[in-house]
Structure formats: C-alpha cells, structure tokens
Amino acid sequence: MTRKTKAQVFGRIQLYDGDAPKGPPITIVGREWWALQQLIEAGDRGCTPIDNPAPRWAHYVWLLRGNGIDVETIHESHGGQFPGTHARYTLKSRLSIVGDVEGVAA
C-alpha cells in the first residue's frame, strides 16, 4: 500500500513585543494558517463564522493562541429565527509574515 501525500499550505510569522522580535519565527500550517490570514485581512472588524465560514473557528483560534498569538473573542448577540450569540475574533498580536509557502507534506 502506498502512502498518500497531501498538499499543505503554511506560512512563517514573526511575533513582536514592541519593536523587538519575540522569540524565533513560528510556522503555522493548514486551516490554522488560513484562519490567521483571514484575521489579518479583516483587521479591526474581525472575523465571524458567519462572514468567514469554516467548520471549527474556535479550534483554529485555540491553536493560534497556543502559538502565542493574541486573538480576542467578542461575544455578539444576533436575532432572527434562531436568536443567540456568536463570536467575533480579532487579531491583537503584532506580527509580520516572513514566509508564505505552499509545499507538500506527508
């Protein structure tokens, strides 16, 4: 039986504490990288699972936080047929992208 390989999208980021780099660059992979890109593009308005559909936003944010990336969760109310609350995620960390690469991972 042959082992399948799948394409992985990943990027490398550098976190900052003020003007100084905070630790070595970090590699972010897959959906976690996608979520970080969505947060960067959204800026101060942030992302919601409604505006940026993905199956597991809370998990992607949890993974980002595990890498030292500060993501704020704002709970917002919504009405409609099924009223309740939803999360809006905003990126609070200062970072720069030091590599954006598509590769093949096993």
N, C-alpha and C. Protein backbone atom coordinates (compact mmCIF):
# COMPACT_ATOMS: atom_id res chain seq x y z
N MET A 1 0.85 -1.18 0.00
CA MET A 1 0.00 0.00 0.00
C MET A 1 0.90 1.24 0.00
N THR A 2 0.58 2.16 -0.86
CA THR A 2 1.36 3.39 -0.92
C THR A 2 0.74 4.44 -0.02
N ARG A 3 1.59 5.25 0.53
CA ARG A 3 1.13 6.32 1.40
C ARG A 3 0.85 7.55 0.57
N LYS A 4 -0.32 8.13 0.77
CA LYS A 4 -0.70 9.33 0.04
C LYS A 4 -0.06 10.55 0.70
N THR A 5 0.28 11.49 -0.12
CA THR A 5 0.75 12.76 0.41
C THR A 5 -0.30 13.81 0.06
N LYS A 6 -0.36 14.82 0.88
CA LYS A 6 -1.32 15.88 0.59
C LYS A 6 -0.61 17.22 0.64
N ALA A 7 -1.09 18.12 -0.17
CA ALA A 7 -0.51 19.46 -0.20
C ALA A 7 -0.87 20.18 1.09
N GLN A 8 0.07 20.86 1.66
CA GLN A 8 -0.15 21.66 2.85
C GLN A 8 0.20 23.10 2.53
N VAL A 9 -0.63 24.00 3.00
CA VAL A 9 -0.34 25.42 2.88
C VAL A 9 0.17 25.87 4.23
N PHE A 10 1.28 26.57 4.23
CA PHE A 10 1.81 27.02 5.51
C PHE A 10 2.54 28.34 5.33
N GLY A 11 2.76 28.99 6.44
CA GLY A 11 3.48 30.25 6.43
C GLY A 11 4.31 30.39 7.69
N ARG A 12 5.26 31.29 7.64
CA ARG A 12 6.10 31.56 8.81
C ARG A 12 5.86 33.00 9.23
N ILE A 13 5.68 33.19 10.53
CA ILE A 13 5.44 34.52 11.06
C ILE A 13 6.45 34.85 12.14
N GLN A 14 6.62 36.13 12.37
CA GLN A 14 7.46 36.61 13.46
C GLN A 14 6.57 37.47 14.35
N LEU A 15 6.46 37.10 15.62
CA LEU A 15 5.73 37.90 16.59
C LEU A 15 6.64 38.98 17.15
N TYR A 16 6.05 40.09 17.57
CA TYR A 16 6.82 41.21 18.12
C TYR A 16 6.28 41.61 19.48
N ASP A 17 7.21 42.04 20.33
CA ASP A 17 6.90 42.64 21.61
C ASP A 17 7.42 44.06 21.51
N GLY A 18 6.55 44.99 21.17
CA GLY A 18 7.01 46.34 20.85
C GLY A 18 7.69 46.30 19.50
N ASP A 19 8.95 46.79 19.45
CA ASP A 19 9.71 46.76 18.19
C ASP A 19 10.64 45.56 18.10
N ALA A 20 10.78 44.81 19.20
CA ALA A 20 11.72 43.69 19.23
C ALA A 20 11.03 42.37 18.88
N PRO A 21 11.69 41.53 18.08
CA PRO A 21 11.13 40.20 17.80
C PRO A 21 10.94 39.42 19.10
N LYS A 22 9.88 38.67 19.16
CA LYS A 22 9.55 37.87 20.34
C LYS A 22 9.77 36.40 20.00
N GLY A 23 10.95 35.89 20.31
CA GLY A 23 11.27 34.50 20.01
C GLY A 23 11.56 34.28 18.54
N PRO A 24 11.81 33.01 18.18
CA PRO A 24 12.10 32.68 16.78
C PRO A 24 10.81 32.70 15.95
N PRO A 25 10.95 32.74 14.61
CA PRO A 25 9.76 32.67 13.76
C PRO A 25 8.98 31.37 14.01
N ILE A 26 7.69 31.43 13.78
CA ILE A 26 6.78 30.30 14.01
C ILE A 26 6.21 29.85 12.67
N THR A 27 6.10 28.54 12.47
CA THR A 27 5.45 28.01 11.28
C THR A 27 4.01 27.66 11.63
N ILE A 28 3.09 28.17 10.84
CA ILE A 28 1.66 27.92 11.01
C ILE A 28 1.19 27.14 9.79
N VAL A 29 0.40 26.07 10.01
CA VAL A 29 0.06 25.14 8.93
C VAL A 29 -1.45 24.98 8.75
N GLY A 30 -1.86 24.72 7.53
CA GLY A 30 -3.22 24.30 7.21
C GLY A 30 -4.29 25.32 7.53
N ARG A 31 -5.38 24.83 8.13
CA ARG A 31 -6.52 25.70 8.45
C ARG A 31 -6.14 26.78 9.46
N GLU A 32 -5.20 26.48 10.32
CA GLU A 32 -4.72 27.49 11.28
C GLU A 32 -4.10 28.67 10.51
N TRP A 33 -3.33 28.36 9.47
CA TRP A 33 -2.73 29.41 8.62
C TRP A 33 -3.83 30.17 7.89
N TRP A 34 -4.83 29.44 7.37
CA TRP A 34 -5.96 30.08 6.70
C TRP A 34 -6.66 31.06 7.65
N ALA A 35 -6.94 30.61 8.88
CA ALA A 35 -7.63 31.46 9.86
C ALA A 35 -6.81 32.71 10.18
N LEU A 36 -5.49 32.54 10.34
CA LEU A 36 -4.63 33.70 10.62
C LEU A 36 -4.68 34.68 9.45
N GLN A 37 -4.64 34.19 8.23
CA GLN A 37 -4.74 35.07 7.07
C GLN A 37 -6.07 35.82 7.05
N GLN A 38 -7.16 35.14 7.42
CA GLN A 38 -8.47 35.78 7.48
C GLN A 38 -8.48 36.89 8.53
N LEU A 39 -7.87 36.64 9.68
CA LEU A 39 -7.80 37.64 10.75
C LEU A 39 -6.97 38.85 10.32
N ILE A 40 -5.87 38.60 9.63
CA ILE A 40 -5.02 39.69 9.15
C ILE A 40 -5.79 40.55 8.15
N GLU A 41 -6.46 39.91 7.20
CA GLU A 41 -7.22 40.64 6.18
C GLU A 41 -8.39 41.41 6.77
N ALA A 42 -9.02 40.87 7.81
CA ALA A 42 -10.19 41.51 8.42
C ALA A 42 -9.82 42.75 9.22
N GLY A 43 -8.60 42.78 9.74
CA GLY A 43 -8.18 43.94 10.53
C GLY A 43 -9.03 44.12 11.77
N ASP A 44 -9.37 45.37 12.09
CA ASP A 44 -10.11 45.69 13.31
C ASP A 44 -11.55 45.19 13.32
N ARG A 45 -12.13 44.96 12.15
CA ARG A 45 -13.53 44.49 12.13
C ARG A 45 -13.62 43.03 12.57
N GLY A 46 -12.53 42.27 12.46
CA GLY A 46 -12.51 40.89 12.92
C GLY A 46 -13.26 39.93 12.00
N CYS A 47 -13.33 38.68 12.44
CA CYS A 47 -13.96 37.61 11.67
C CYS A 47 -15.02 36.93 12.50
N THR A 48 -16.09 36.51 11.84
CA THR A 48 -17.09 35.66 12.47
C THR A 48 -17.26 34.42 11.62
N PRO A 49 -17.73 33.33 12.21
CA PRO A 49 -18.01 32.14 11.41
C PRO A 49 -19.10 32.39 10.36
N ILE A 50 -19.89 33.45 10.53
CA ILE A 50 -20.93 33.77 9.57
C ILE A 50 -20.31 34.44 8.34
N ASP A 51 -19.42 35.41 8.57
CA ASP A 51 -18.79 36.14 7.46
C ASP A 51 -17.64 35.39 6.81
N ASN A 52 -16.96 34.55 7.57
CA ASN A 52 -15.82 33.77 7.09
C ASN A 52 -16.08 32.30 7.42
N PRO A 53 -16.94 31.64 6.65
CA PRO A 53 -17.36 30.29 7.01
C PRO A 53 -16.20 29.29 7.09
N ALA A 54 -16.19 28.57 8.17
CA ALA A 54 -15.24 27.48 8.40
C ALA A 54 -15.85 26.62 9.51
N PRO A 55 -15.58 25.33 9.49
CA PRO A 55 -16.26 24.44 10.44
C PRO A 55 -15.82 24.56 11.89
N ARG A 56 -14.59 25.03 12.16
CA ARG A 56 -14.11 24.97 13.54
C ARG A 56 -13.32 26.21 13.95
N TRP A 57 -13.91 27.39 13.79
CA TRP A 57 -13.22 28.63 14.12
C TRP A 57 -12.65 28.62 15.54
N ALA A 58 -13.43 28.16 16.50
CA ALA A 58 -12.96 28.17 17.89
C ALA A 58 -11.68 27.34 18.04
N HIS A 59 -11.60 26.24 17.33
CA HIS A 59 -10.40 25.40 17.40
C HIS A 59 -9.20 26.08 16.75
N TYR A 60 -9.42 26.73 15.60
CA TYR A 60 -8.32 27.43 14.94
C TYR A 60 -7.78 28.54 15.83
N VAL A 61 -8.67 29.25 16.49
CA VAL A 61 -8.24 30.32 17.42
C VAL A 61 -7.48 29.72 18.59
N TRP A 62 -7.95 28.59 19.10
CA TRP A 62 -7.27 27.91 20.20
C TRP A 62 -5.85 27.52 19.79
N LEU A 63 -5.69 27.01 18.57
CA LEU A 63 -4.36 26.65 18.07
C LEU A 63 -3.46 27.89 17.95
N LEU A 64 -4.02 28.98 17.41
CA LEU A 64 -3.24 30.22 17.29
C LEU A 64 -2.78 30.71 18.65
N ARG A 65 -3.68 30.69 19.62
CA ARG A 65 -3.32 31.11 20.99
C ARG A 65 -2.23 30.21 21.57
N GLY A 66 -2.28 28.94 21.24
CA GLY A 66 -1.25 28.01 21.70
C GLY A 66 0.13 28.34 21.14
N ASN A 67 0.16 29.06 20.02
CA ASN A 67 1.42 29.51 19.42
C ASN A 67 1.81 30.90 19.88
N GLY A 68 1.09 31.43 20.89
CA GLY A 68 1.44 32.73 21.44
C GLY A 68 0.81 33.91 20.72
N ILE A 69 -0.13 33.65 19.83
CA ILE A 69 -0.78 34.72 19.07
C ILE A 69 -2.02 35.17 19.85
N ASP A 70 -2.11 36.47 20.10
CA ASP A 70 -3.21 37.04 20.87
C ASP A 70 -4.41 37.30 19.97
N VAL A 71 -5.49 36.55 20.21
CA VAL A 71 -6.74 36.71 19.46
C VAL A 71 -7.83 36.99 20.48
N GLU A 72 -8.53 38.11 20.30
CA GLU A 72 -9.61 38.49 21.20
C GLU A 72 -10.93 37.89 20.70
N THR A 73 -11.76 37.41 21.64
CA THR A 73 -13.09 36.91 21.33
C THR A 73 -14.11 37.90 21.87
N ILE A 74 -14.97 38.40 20.98
CA ILE A 74 -16.04 39.31 21.36
C ILE A 74 -17.35 38.56 21.11
N HIS A 75 -18.19 38.46 22.14
CA HIS A 75 -19.47 37.77 22.00
C HIS A 75 -20.54 38.77 21.59
N GLU A 76 -21.20 38.51 20.47
CA GLU A 76 -22.21 39.41 19.93
C GLU A 76 -23.57 38.71 19.88
N SER A 77 -24.61 39.46 20.16
CA SER A 77 -25.96 38.92 20.08
C SER A 77 -26.46 39.01 18.64
N HIS A 78 -27.31 38.09 18.27
CA HIS A 78 -27.98 38.16 16.97
C HIS A 78 -29.43 37.69 17.13
N GLY A 79 -30.28 38.25 16.29
CA GLY A 79 -31.70 37.89 16.30
C GLY A 79 -31.99 36.86 15.24
N GLY A 80 -33.14 37.00 14.63
CA GLY A 80 -33.53 36.08 13.58
C GLY A 80 -34.32 34.91 14.11
N GLN A 81 -34.49 33.92 13.28
CA GLN A 81 -35.28 32.75 13.63
C GLN A 81 -34.65 31.96 14.80
N PHE A 82 -33.33 32.00 14.89
CA PHE A 82 -32.63 31.29 15.96
C PHE A 82 -31.73 32.29 16.70
N PRO A 83 -32.31 33.16 17.55
CA PRO A 83 -31.51 34.18 18.24
C PRO A 83 -30.52 33.55 19.21
N GLY A 84 -29.46 34.28 19.45
CA GLY A 84 -28.44 33.80 20.38
C GLY A 84 -27.22 34.70 20.31
N THR A 85 -26.05 34.10 20.44
CA THR A 85 -24.80 34.85 20.34
C THR A 85 -23.86 34.14 19.39
N HIS A 86 -22.92 34.89 18.88
CA HIS A 86 -21.85 34.31 18.07
C HIS A 86 -20.56 35.04 18.44
N ALA A 87 -19.45 34.47 18.05
CA ALA A 87 -18.14 35.06 18.38
C ALA A 87 -17.62 35.88 17.20
N ARG A 88 -16.95 36.97 17.53
CA ARG A 88 -16.18 37.74 16.56
C ARG A 88 -14.74 37.70 17.06
N TYR A 89 -13.83 37.27 16.21
CA TYR A 89 -12.42 37.14 16.58
C TYR A 89 -11.62 38.26 15.95
N THR A 90 -10.77 38.91 16.75
CA THR A 90 -9.89 39.96 16.24
C THR A 90 -8.45 39.67 16.65
N LEU A 91 -7.55 39.91 15.73
CA LEU A 91 -6.12 39.69 15.96
C LEU A 91 -5.56 40.88 16.74
N LYS A 92 -4.91 40.60 17.86
CA LYS A 92 -4.34 41.66 18.69
C LYS A 92 -2.81 41.64 18.67
N SER A 93 -2.22 40.54 18.28
CA SER A 93 -0.75 40.44 18.24
C SER A 93 -0.18 41.26 17.10
N ARG A 94 1.00 41.79 17.32
CA ARG A 94 1.75 42.45 16.25
C ARG A 94 2.65 41.38 15.65
N LEU A 95 2.55 41.20 14.34
CA LEU A 95 3.36 40.16 13.70
C LEU A 95 3.67 40.55 12.27
N SER A 96 4.63 39.86 11.69
CA SER A 96 4.92 40.02 10.27
C SER A 96 5.06 38.64 9.67
N ILE A 97 4.69 38.54 8.40
CA ILE A 97 4.82 37.28 7.68
C ILE A 97 6.22 37.25 7.08
N VAL A 98 6.99 36.21 7.44
CA VAL A 98 8.36 36.09 6.95
C VAL A 98 8.48 35.01 5.88
N GLY A 99 7.39 34.30 5.62
CA GLY A 99 7.38 33.30 4.57
C GLY A 99 5.98 32.80 4.33
N ASP A 100 5.58 32.67 3.08
CA ASP A 100 4.27 32.19 2.69
C ASP A 100 4.52 31.16 1.60
N VAL A 101 4.43 29.89 1.98
CA VAL A 101 4.90 28.85 1.07
C VAL A 101 3.84 27.77 0.92
N GLU A 102 3.70 27.25 -0.28
CA GLU A 102 2.90 26.04 -0.50
C GLU A 102 3.87 24.91 -0.74
N GLY A 103 3.69 23.85 0.01
CA GLY A 103 4.59 22.72 -0.14
C GLY A 103 3.82 21.43 -0.10
N VAL A 104 4.54 20.36 -0.08
CA VAL A 104 3.92 19.05 0.02
C VAL A 104 4.42 18.40 1.30
N ALA A 105 3.50 17.98 2.12
CA ALA A 105 3.84 17.31 3.37
C ALA A 105 3.26 15.92 3.35
N ALA A 106 3.91 15.05 4.04
CA ALA A 106 3.42 13.66 4.09
C ALA A 106 2.22 13.55 4.99
